[in-house]
């Protein structure tokens, strides 16, 4: 699977979650952004301390996995103008 295919697959998954339920989509995007961002940061720090033989494509995949849910959250926040149904209940 190429990086572009993986990116499109992630976009489809996160957008599907948003269409199914805003709250679940919002939370999953935030949680996945935090988890993958933390893993990416930890991996970069570990690689900085002691060089490893981790291929560069790993960091590309982790960066995409961190950015895609964040971009989906930003897109839907702009689309809904920050007025989510679960905030009004």
PDB file of N, CA and C in Angstrom:
ATOM      1  N   UNK A   1       0.855  -1.174   0.000  1.00  0.00           N
ATOM      2  CA  UNK A   1       0.000   0.000   0.000  1.00  0.00           C
ATOM      3  C   UNK A   1       0.900   1.237   0.000  1.00  0.00           C
ATOM      4  N   UNK A   2       0.594   2.132  -0.894  1.00  0.00           N
ATOM      5  CA  UNK A   2       1.394   3.346  -0.985  1.00  0.00           C
ATOM      6  C   UNK A   2       0.919   4.361   0.052  1.00  0.00           C
ATOM      7  N   UNK A   3       1.704   5.391   0.216  1.00  0.00           N
ATOM      8  CA  UNK A   3       1.372   6.446   1.176  1.00  0.00           C
ATOM      9  C   UNK A   3       0.072   7.147   0.794  1.00  0.00           C
ATOM     10  N   UNK A   4      -0.140   7.368  -0.489  1.00  0.00           N
ATOM     11  CA  UNK A   4      -1.371   8.019  -0.954  1.00  0.00           C
ATOM     12  C   UNK A   4      -2.591   7.147  -0.683  1.00  0.00           C
ATOM     13  N   UNK A   5      -2.486   5.856  -0.941  1.00  0.00           N
ATOM     14  CA  UNK A   5      -3.596   4.944  -0.683  1.00  0.00           C
ATOM     15  C   UNK A   5      -3.915   4.886   0.811  1.00  0.00           C
ATOM     16  N   UNK A   6      -2.883   4.839   1.632  1.00  0.00           N
ATOM     17  CA  UNK A   6      -3.090   4.824   3.078  1.00  0.00           C
ATOM     18  C   UNK A   6      -3.740   6.098   3.577  1.00  0.00           C
ATOM     19  N   UNK A   7      -3.339   7.226   3.004  1.00  0.00           N
ATOM     20  CA  UNK A   7      -3.928   8.511   3.378  1.00  0.00           C
ATOM     21  C   UNK A   7      -5.400   8.547   3.013  1.00  0.00           C
ATOM     22  N   UNK A   8      -5.724   8.131   1.792  1.00  0.00           N
ATOM     23  CA  UNK A   8      -7.122   8.120   1.357  1.00  0.00           C
ATOM     24  C   UNK A   8      -7.964   7.161   2.191  1.00  0.00           C
ATOM     25  N   UNK A   9      -7.410   6.009   2.546  1.00  0.00           N
ATOM     26  CA  UNK A   9      -8.128   5.054   3.383  1.00  0.00           C
ATOM     27  C   UNK A   9      -8.422   5.649   4.757  1.00  0.00           C
ATOM     28  N   UNK A  10      -7.452   6.331   5.337  1.00  0.00           N
ATOM     29  CA  UNK A  10      -7.669   6.969   6.634  1.00  0.00           C
ATOM     30  C   UNK A  10      -8.723   8.068   6.540  1.00  0.00           C
ATOM     31  N   UNK A  11      -8.673   8.850   5.474  1.00  0.00           N
ATOM     32  CA  UNK A  11      -9.676   9.905   5.291  1.00  0.00           C
ATOM     33  C   UNK A  11     -11.065   9.291   5.207  1.00  0.00           C
ATOM     34  N   UNK A  12     -11.211   8.208   4.455  1.00  0.00           N
ATOM     35  CA  UNK A  12     -12.509   7.539   4.329  1.00  0.00           C
ATOM     36  C   UNK A  12     -12.989   7.035   5.681  1.00  0.00           C
ATOM     37  N   UNK A  13     -12.100   6.440   6.459  1.00  0.00           N
ATOM     38  CA  UNK A  13     -12.483   5.903   7.772  1.00  0.00           C
ATOM     39  C   UNK A  13     -12.915   7.016   8.716  1.00  0.00           C
ATOM     40  N   UNK A  14     -12.132   8.087   8.814  1.00  0.00           N
ATOM     41  CA  UNK A  14     -12.463   9.162   9.747  1.00  0.00           C
ATOM     42  C   UNK A  14     -13.705   9.936   9.313  1.00  0.00           C
ATOM     43  N   UNK A  15     -13.870  10.163   8.019  1.00  0.00           N
ATOM     44  CA  UNK A  15     -15.075  10.849   7.536  1.00  0.00           C
ATOM     45  C   UNK A  15     -16.301   9.972   7.769  1.00  0.00           C
ATOM     46  N   UNK A  16     -16.164   8.657   7.583  1.00  0.00           N
ATOM     47  CA  UNK A  16     -17.282   7.747   7.852  1.00  0.00           C
ATOM     48  C   UNK A  16     -17.686   7.793   9.317  1.00  0.00           C
ATOM     49  N   UNK A  17     -16.704   7.846  10.201  1.00  0.00           N
ATOM     50  CA  UNK A  17     -17.024   7.975  11.625  1.00  0.00           C
ATOM     51  C   UNK A  17     -17.780   9.267  11.901  1.00  0.00           C
ATOM     52  N   UNK A  18     -17.354  10.374  11.288  1.00  0.00           N
ATOM     53  CA  UNK A  18     -18.037  11.657  11.477  1.00  0.00           C
ATOM     54  C   UNK A  18     -19.459  11.596  10.959  1.00  0.00           C
ATOM     55  N   UNK A  19     -19.659  10.934   9.809  1.00  0.00           N
ATOM     56  CA  UNK A  19     -21.002  10.850   9.245  1.00  0.00           C
ATOM     57  C   UNK A  19     -21.903   9.942  10.070  1.00  0.00           C
ATOM     58  N   UNK A  20     -21.316   8.934  10.699  1.00  0.00           N
ATOM     59  CA  UNK A  20     -22.091   8.024  11.533  1.00  0.00           C
ATOM     60  C   UNK A  20     -22.507   8.719  12.826  1.00  0.00           C
ATOM     61  N   UNK A  21     -21.548   9.360  13.499  1.00  0.00           N
ATOM     62  CA  UNK A  21     -21.830  10.065  14.748  1.00  0.00           C
ATOM     63  C   UNK A  21     -20.748  11.123  14.956  1.00  0.00           C
ATOM     64  N   UNK A  22     -21.178  12.366  15.096  1.00  0.00           N
ATOM     65  CA  UNK A  22     -20.227  13.476  15.256  1.00  0.00           C
ATOM     66  C   UNK A  22     -19.337  13.301  16.478  1.00  0.00           C
ATOM     67  N   UNK A  23     -19.941  12.921  17.583  1.00  0.00           N
ATOM     68  CA  UNK A  23     -19.196  12.816  18.838  1.00  0.00           C
ATOM     69  C   UNK A  23     -18.113  11.743  18.741  1.00  0.00           C
ATOM     70  N   UNK A  24     -18.483  10.576  18.239  1.00  0.00           N
ATOM     71  CA  UNK A  24     -17.512   9.487  18.110  1.00  0.00           C
ATOM     72  C   UNK A  24     -16.419   9.868  17.118  1.00  0.00           C
ATOM     73  N   UNK A  25     -16.802  10.484  16.007  1.00  0.00           N
ATOM     74  CA  UNK A  25     -15.814  10.919  15.026  1.00  0.00           C
ATOM     75  C   UNK A  25     -14.848  11.935  15.604  1.00  0.00           C
ATOM     76  N   UNK A  26     -15.385  12.903  16.349  1.00  0.00           N
ATOM     77  CA  UNK A  26     -14.555  13.937  16.968  1.00  0.00           C
ATOM     78  C   UNK A  26     -13.575  13.327  17.968  1.00  0.00           C
ATOM     79  N   UNK A  27     -14.088  12.482  18.845  1.00  0.00           N
ATOM     80  CA  UNK A  27     -13.234  11.883  19.872  1.00  0.00           C
ATOM     81  C   UNK A  27     -12.192  10.942  19.277  1.00  0.00           C
ATOM     82  N   UNK A  28     -12.587  10.126  18.305  1.00  0.00           N
ATOM     83  CA  UNK A  28     -11.623   9.212  17.687  1.00  0.00           C
ATOM     84  C   UNK A  28     -10.515   9.978  16.972  1.00  0.00           C
ATOM     85  N   UNK A  29     -10.878  11.063  16.303  1.00  0.00           N
ATOM     86  CA  UNK A  29      -9.861  11.866  15.615  1.00  0.00           C
ATOM     87  C   UNK A  29      -8.897  12.495  16.617  1.00  0.00           C
ATOM     88  N   UNK A  30      -9.429  13.037  17.705  1.00  0.00           N
ATOM     89  CA  UNK A  30      -8.553  13.647  18.711  1.00  0.00           C
ATOM     90  C   UNK A  30      -7.665  12.608  19.389  1.00  0.00           C
ATOM     91  N   UNK A  31      -8.246  11.469  19.731  1.00  0.00           N
ATOM     92  CA  UNK A  31      -7.482  10.420  20.409  1.00  0.00           C
ATOM     93  C   UNK A  31      -6.388   9.872  19.492  1.00  0.00           C
ATOM     94  N   UNK A  32      -6.730   9.596  18.235  1.00  0.00           N
ATOM     95  CA  UNK A  32      -5.738   9.048  17.309  1.00  0.00           C
ATOM     96  C   UNK A  32      -4.638  10.053  16.998  1.00  0.00           C
ATOM     97  N   UNK A  33      -5.000  11.339  16.926  1.00  0.00           N
ATOM     98  CA  UNK A  33      -3.974  12.362  16.712  1.00  0.00           C
ATOM     99  C   UNK A  33      -3.002  12.394  17.884  1.00  0.00           C
ATOM    100  N   UNK A  34      -3.533  12.335  19.100  1.00  0.00           N
ATOM    101  CA  UNK A  34      -2.676  12.372  20.289  1.00  0.00           C
ATOM    102  C   UNK A  34      -1.796  11.122  20.388  1.00  0.00           C
ATOM    103  N   UNK A  35      -2.377   9.957  20.143  1.00  0.00           N
ATOM    104  CA  UNK A  35      -1.614   8.710  20.258  1.00  0.00           C
ATOM    105  C   UNK A  35      -0.515   8.632  19.201  1.00  0.00           C
ATOM    106  N   UNK A  36      -0.878   8.857  17.949  1.00  0.00           N
ATOM    107  CA  UNK A  36       0.133   8.750  16.890  1.00  0.00           C
ATOM    108  C   UNK A  36       1.161   9.874  16.976  1.00  0.00           C
ATOM    109  N   UNK A  37       0.736  11.050  17.414  1.00  0.00           N
ATOM    110  CA  UNK A  37       1.690  12.141  17.610  1.00  0.00           C
ATOM    111  C   UNK A  37       2.674  11.828  18.721  1.00  0.00           C
ATOM    112  N   UNK A  38       2.177  11.243  19.808  1.00  0.00           N
ATOM    113  CA  UNK A  38       3.054  10.844  20.904  1.00  0.00           C
ATOM    114  C   UNK A  38       4.024   9.750  20.497  1.00  0.00           C
ATOM    115  N   UNK A  39       3.527   8.766  19.759  1.00  0.00           N
ATOM    116  CA  UNK A  39       4.408   7.698  19.281  1.00  0.00           C
ATOM    117  C   UNK A  39       5.469   8.231  18.327  1.00  0.00           C
ATOM    118  N   UNK A  40       5.067   9.143  17.452  1.00  0.00           N
ATOM    119  CA  UNK A  40       6.024   9.733  16.519  1.00  0.00           C
ATOM    120  C   UNK A  40       7.093  10.521  17.269  1.00  0.00           C
ATOM    121  N   UNK A  41       6.678  11.310  18.233  1.00  0.00           N
ATOM    122  CA  UNK A  41       7.627  12.087  19.026  1.00  0.00           C
ATOM    123  C   UNK A  41       8.581  11.172  19.791  1.00  0.00           C
ATOM    124  N   UNK A  42       8.041  10.133  20.424  1.00  0.00           N
ATOM    125  CA  UNK A  42       8.862   9.185  21.169  1.00  0.00           C
ATOM    126  C   UNK A  42       9.846   8.468  20.243  1.00  0.00           C
ATOM    127  N   UNK A  43       9.388   8.063  19.063  1.00  0.00           N
ATOM    128  CA  UNK A  43      10.266   7.365  18.117  1.00  0.00           C
ATOM    129  C   UNK A  43      11.380   8.281  17.622  1.00  0.00           C
ATOM    130  N   UNK A  44      11.047   9.533  17.351  1.00  0.00           N
ATOM    131  CA  UNK A  44      12.075  10.485  16.898  1.00  0.00           C
ATOM    132  C   UNK A  44      13.101  10.757  18.000  1.00  0.00           C
ATOM    133  N   UNK A  45      12.628  10.898  19.239  1.00  0.00           N
ATOM    134  CA  UNK A  45      13.555  11.111  20.353  1.00  0.00           C
ATOM    135  C   UNK A  45      14.456   9.900  20.555  1.00  0.00           C
ATOM    136  N   UNK A  46      13.884   8.705  20.488  1.00  0.00           N
ATOM    137  CA  UNK A  46      14.682   7.489  20.650  1.00  0.00           C
ATOM    138  C   UNK A  46      15.696   7.355  19.518  1.00  0.00           C
ATOM    139  N   UNK A  47      15.297   7.716  18.313  1.00  0.00           N
ATOM    140  CA  UNK A  47      16.216   7.656  17.176  1.00  0.00           C
ATOM    141  C   UNK A  47      17.306   8.714  17.295  1.00  0.00           C
ATOM    142  N   UNK A  48      16.969   9.841  17.883  1.00  0.00           N
ATOM    143  CA  UNK A  48      17.953  10.908  18.086  1.00  0.00           C
ATOM    144  C   UNK A  48      18.997  10.491  19.123  1.00  0.00           C
ATOM    145  N   UNK A  49      18.549   9.820  20.194  1.00  0.00           N
ATOM    146  CA  UNK A  49      19.462   9.378  21.249  1.00  0.00           C
ATOM    147  C   UNK A  49      20.371   8.269  20.732  1.00  0.00           C
ATOM    148  N   UNK A  50      19.772   7.287  20.090  1.00  0.00           N
ATOM    149  CA  UNK A  50      20.552   6.174  19.563  1.00  0.00           C
ATOM    150  C   UNK A  50      20.000   5.815  18.191  1.00  0.00           C
ATOM    151  N   UNK A  51      20.842   5.944  17.190  1.00  0.00           N
ATOM    152  CA  UNK A  51      20.409   5.682  15.818  1.00  0.00           C
ATOM    153  C   UNK A  51      19.922   4.245  15.680  1.00  0.00           C
ATOM    154  N   UNK A  52      18.798   4.097  15.002  1.00  0.00           N
ATOM    155  CA  UNK A  52      18.245   2.769  14.761  1.00  0.00           C
ATOM    156  C   UNK A  52      18.129   2.545  13.257  1.00  0.00           C
ATOM    157  N   UNK A  53      17.764   1.348  12.907  1.00  0.00           N
ATOM    158  CA  UNK A  53      17.626   1.019  11.491  1.00  0.00           C
ATOM    159  C   UNK A  53      16.166   1.084  11.054  1.00  0.00           C
ATOM    160  N   UNK A  54      15.416   1.980  11.665  1.00  0.00           N
ATOM    161  CA  UNK A  54      14.019   2.161  11.292  1.00  0.00           C
ATOM    162  C   UNK A  54      13.988   2.911   9.963  1.00  0.00           C
ATOM    163  N   UNK A  55      13.265   2.367   8.981  1.00  0.00           N
ATOM    164  CA  UNK A  55      13.226   3.052   7.683  1.00  0.00           C
ATOM    165  C   UNK A  55      12.478   4.384   7.763  1.00  0.00           C
ATOM    166  N   UNK A  56      12.815   5.270   6.867  1.00  0.00           N
ATOM    167  CA  UNK A  56      12.182   6.585   6.845  1.00  0.00           C
ATOM    168  C   UNK A  56      10.698   6.522   6.542  1.00  0.00           C
ATOM    169  N   UNK A  57      10.272   5.456   5.871  1.00  0.00           N
ATOM    170  CA  UNK A  57       8.845   5.330   5.556  1.00  0.00           C
ATOM    171  C   UNK A  57       8.007   5.187   6.827  1.00  0.00           C
ATOM    172  N   UNK A  58       8.584   4.646   7.904  1.00  0.00           N
ATOM    173  CA  UNK A  58       7.867   4.546   9.180  1.00  0.00           C
ATOM    174  C   UNK A  58       7.479   5.934   9.676  1.00  0.00           C
ATOM    175  N   UNK A  59       8.413   6.856   9.611  1.00  0.00           N
ATOM    176  CA  UNK A  59       8.135   8.218  10.075  1.00  0.00           C
ATOM    177  C   UNK A  59       7.118   8.911   9.166  1.00  0.00           C
ATOM    178  N   UNK A  60       7.177   8.623   7.872  1.00  0.00           N
ATOM    179  CA  UNK A  60       6.179   9.178   6.959  1.00  0.00           C
ATOM    180  C   UNK A  60       4.780   8.665   7.291  1.00  0.00           C
ATOM    181  N   UNK A  61       4.658   7.356   7.536  1.00  0.00           N
ATOM    182  CA  UNK A  61       3.364   6.772   7.895  1.00  0.00           C
ATOM    183  C   UNK A  61       2.849   7.341   9.214  1.00  0.00           C
ATOM    184  N   UNK A  62       3.726   7.482  10.174  1.00  0.00           N
ATOM    185  CA  UNK A  62       3.301   8.026  11.466  1.00  0.00           C
ATOM    186  C   UNK A  62       2.878   9.481  11.339  1.00  0.00           C
ATOM    187  N   UNK A  63       3.587  10.246  10.536  1.00  0.00           N
ATOM    188  CA  UNK A  63       3.221  11.645  10.325  1.00  0.00           C
ATOM    189  C   UNK A  63       1.857  11.753   9.647  1.00  0.00           C
ATOM    190  N   UNK A  64       1.625  10.941   8.634  1.00  0.00           N
ATOM    191  CA  UNK A  64       0.325  10.930   7.955  1.00  0.00           C
ATOM    192  C   UNK A  64      -0.769  10.489   8.921  1.00  0.00           C
ATOM    193  N   UNK A  65      -0.476   9.462   9.731  1.00  0.00           N
ATOM    194  CA  UNK A  65      -1.465   8.971  10.695  1.00  0.00           C
ATOM    195  C   UNK A  65      -1.776   9.995  11.773  1.00  0.00           C
ATOM    196  N   UNK A  66      -0.873  10.917  11.996  1.00  0.00           N
ATOM    197  CA  UNK A  66      -1.093  11.984  12.973  1.00  0.00           C
ATOM    198  C   UNK A  66      -1.826  13.165  12.341  1.00  0.00           C
ATOM    199  N   UNK A  67      -1.495  13.495  11.110  1.00  0.00           N
ATOM    200  CA  UNK A  67      -2.058  14.682  10.468  1.00  0.00           C
ATOM    201  C   UNK A  67      -3.467  14.479   9.918  1.00  0.00           C
ATOM    202  N   UNK A  68      -3.758  13.296   9.379  1.00  0.00           N
ATOM    203  CA  UNK A  68      -5.065  13.076   8.744  1.00  0.00           C
ATOM    204  C   UNK A  68      -6.223  13.290   9.714  1.00  0.00           C
ATOM    205  N   UNK A  69      -6.232  12.682  10.908  1.00  0.00           N
ATOM    206  CA  UNK A  69      -7.365  12.943  11.802  1.00  0.00           C
ATOM    207  C   UNK A  69      -7.442  14.400  12.255  1.00  0.00           C
ATOM    208  N   UNK A  70      -6.294  15.045  12.412  1.00  0.00           N
ATOM    209  CA  UNK A  70      -6.307  16.461  12.799  1.00  0.00           C
ATOM    210  C   UNK A  70      -6.914  17.313  11.692  1.00  0.00           C
ATOM    211  N   UNK A  71      -6.601  17.000  10.450  1.00  0.00           N
ATOM    212  CA  UNK A  71      -7.158  17.749   9.322  1.00  0.00           C
ATOM    213  C   UNK A  71      -8.660  17.499   9.203  1.00  0.00           C
ATOM    214  N   UNK A  72      -9.096  16.262   9.453  1.00  0.00           N
ATOM    215  CA  UNK A  72     -10.531  15.958   9.405  1.00  0.00           C
ATOM    216  C   UNK A  72     -11.274  16.731  10.493  1.00  0.00           C
ATOM    217  N   UNK A  73     -10.707  16.817  11.697  1.00  0.00           N
ATOM    218  CA  UNK A  73     -11.331  17.596  12.777  1.00  0.00           C
ATOM    219  C   UNK A  73     -11.427  19.065  12.383  1.00  0.00           C
ATOM    220  N   UNK A  74     -10.372  19.603  11.844  1.00  0.00           N
ATOM    221  CA  UNK A  74     -10.385  21.013  11.434  1.00  0.00           C
ATOM    222  C   UNK A  74     -11.415  21.235  10.331  1.00  0.00           C
ATOM    223  N   UNK A  75     -11.471  20.331   9.361  1.00  0.00           N
ATOM    224  CA  UNK A  75     -12.425  20.456   8.258  1.00  0.00           C
ATOM    225  C   UNK A  75     -13.863  20.458   8.774  1.00  0.00           C
ATOM    226  N   UNK A  76     -14.207  19.488   9.618  1.00  0.00           N
ATOM    227  CA  UNK A  76     -15.578  19.416  10.124  1.00  0.00           C
ATOM    228  C   UNK A  76     -15.889  20.541  11.102  1.00  0.00           C
ATOM    229  N   UNK A  77     -14.910  21.002  11.844  1.00  0.00           N
ATOM    230  CA  UNK A  77     -15.143  22.139  12.740  1.00  0.00           C
ATOM    231  C   UNK A  77     -15.464  23.396  11.937  1.00  0.00           C
ATOM    232  N   UNK A  78     -14.778  23.588  10.829  1.00  0.00           N
ATOM    233  CA  UNK A  78     -15.075  24.729   9.958  1.00  0.00           C
ATOM    234  C   UNK A  78     -16.427  24.531   9.279  1.00  0.00           C
ATOM    235  N   UNK A  79     -16.697  23.299   8.831  1.00  0.00           N
ATOM    236  CA  UNK A  79     -17.951  23.006   8.148  1.00  0.00           C
ATOM    237  C   UNK A  79     -19.158  23.249   9.057  1.00  0.00           C
ATOM    238  N   UNK A  80     -19.076  22.797  10.302  1.00  0.00           N
ATOM    239  CA  UNK A  80     -20.172  22.977  11.263  1.00  0.00           C
ATOM    240  C   UNK A  80     -20.061  24.291  12.026  1.00  0.00           C
ATOM    241  N   UNK A  81     -19.044  25.067  11.771  1.00  0.00           N
ATOM    242  CA  UNK A  81     -18.785  26.339  12.447  1.00  0.00           C
ATOM    243  C   UNK A  81     -18.715  26.163  13.967  1.00  0.00           C
ATOM    244  N   UNK A  82     -18.231  25.018  14.396  1.00  0.00           N
ATOM    245  CA  UNK A  82     -18.056  24.741  15.818  1.00  0.00           C
ATOM    246  C   UNK A  82     -19.340  24.430  16.557  1.00  0.00           C
ATOM    247  N   UNK A  83     -20.458  24.309  15.856  1.00  0.00           N
ATOM    248  CA  UNK A  83     -21.752  24.013  16.482  1.00  0.00           C
ATOM    249  C   UNK A  83     -22.064  22.530  16.348  1.00  0.00           C
ATOM    250  N   UNK A  84     -21.554  21.745  17.265  1.00  0.00           N
ATOM    251  CA  UNK A  84     -21.811  20.317  17.249  1.00  0.00           C
ATOM    252  C   UNK A  84     -23.044  20.031  18.091  1.00  0.00           C
ATOM    253  N   UNK A  85     -23.828  19.024  17.681  1.00  0.00           N
ATOM    254  CA  UNK A  85     -25.088  18.743  18.371  1.00  0.00           C
ATOM    255  C   UNK A  85     -24.867  18.341  19.825  1.00  0.00           C
ATOM    256  N   UNK A  86     -23.775  17.669  20.112  1.00  0.00           N
ATOM    257  CA  UNK A  86     -23.546  17.178  21.463  1.00  0.00           C
ATOM    258  C   UNK A  86     -23.080  18.276  22.409  1.00  0.00           C
ATOM    259  N   UNK A  87     -22.734  19.437  21.890  1.00  0.00           N
ATOM    260  CA  UNK A  87     -22.395  20.570  22.753  1.00  0.00           C
ATOM    261  C   UNK A  87     -23.642  21.309  23.223  1.00  0.00           C
ATOM    262  N   UNK A  88     -24.733  21.152  22.493  1.00  0.00           N
ATOM    263  CA  UNK A  88     -25.967  21.868  22.809  1.00  0.00           C
ATOM    264  C   UNK A  88     -26.890  21.097  23.733  1.00  0.00           C
ATOM    265  N   UNK A  89     -26.564  19.855  24.039  1.00  0.00           N
ATOM    266  CA  UNK A  89     -27.454  19.052  24.889  1.00  0.00           C
ATOM    267  C   UNK A  89     -27.163  19.258  26.348  1.00  0.00           C
TER     268      UNK A  89
END
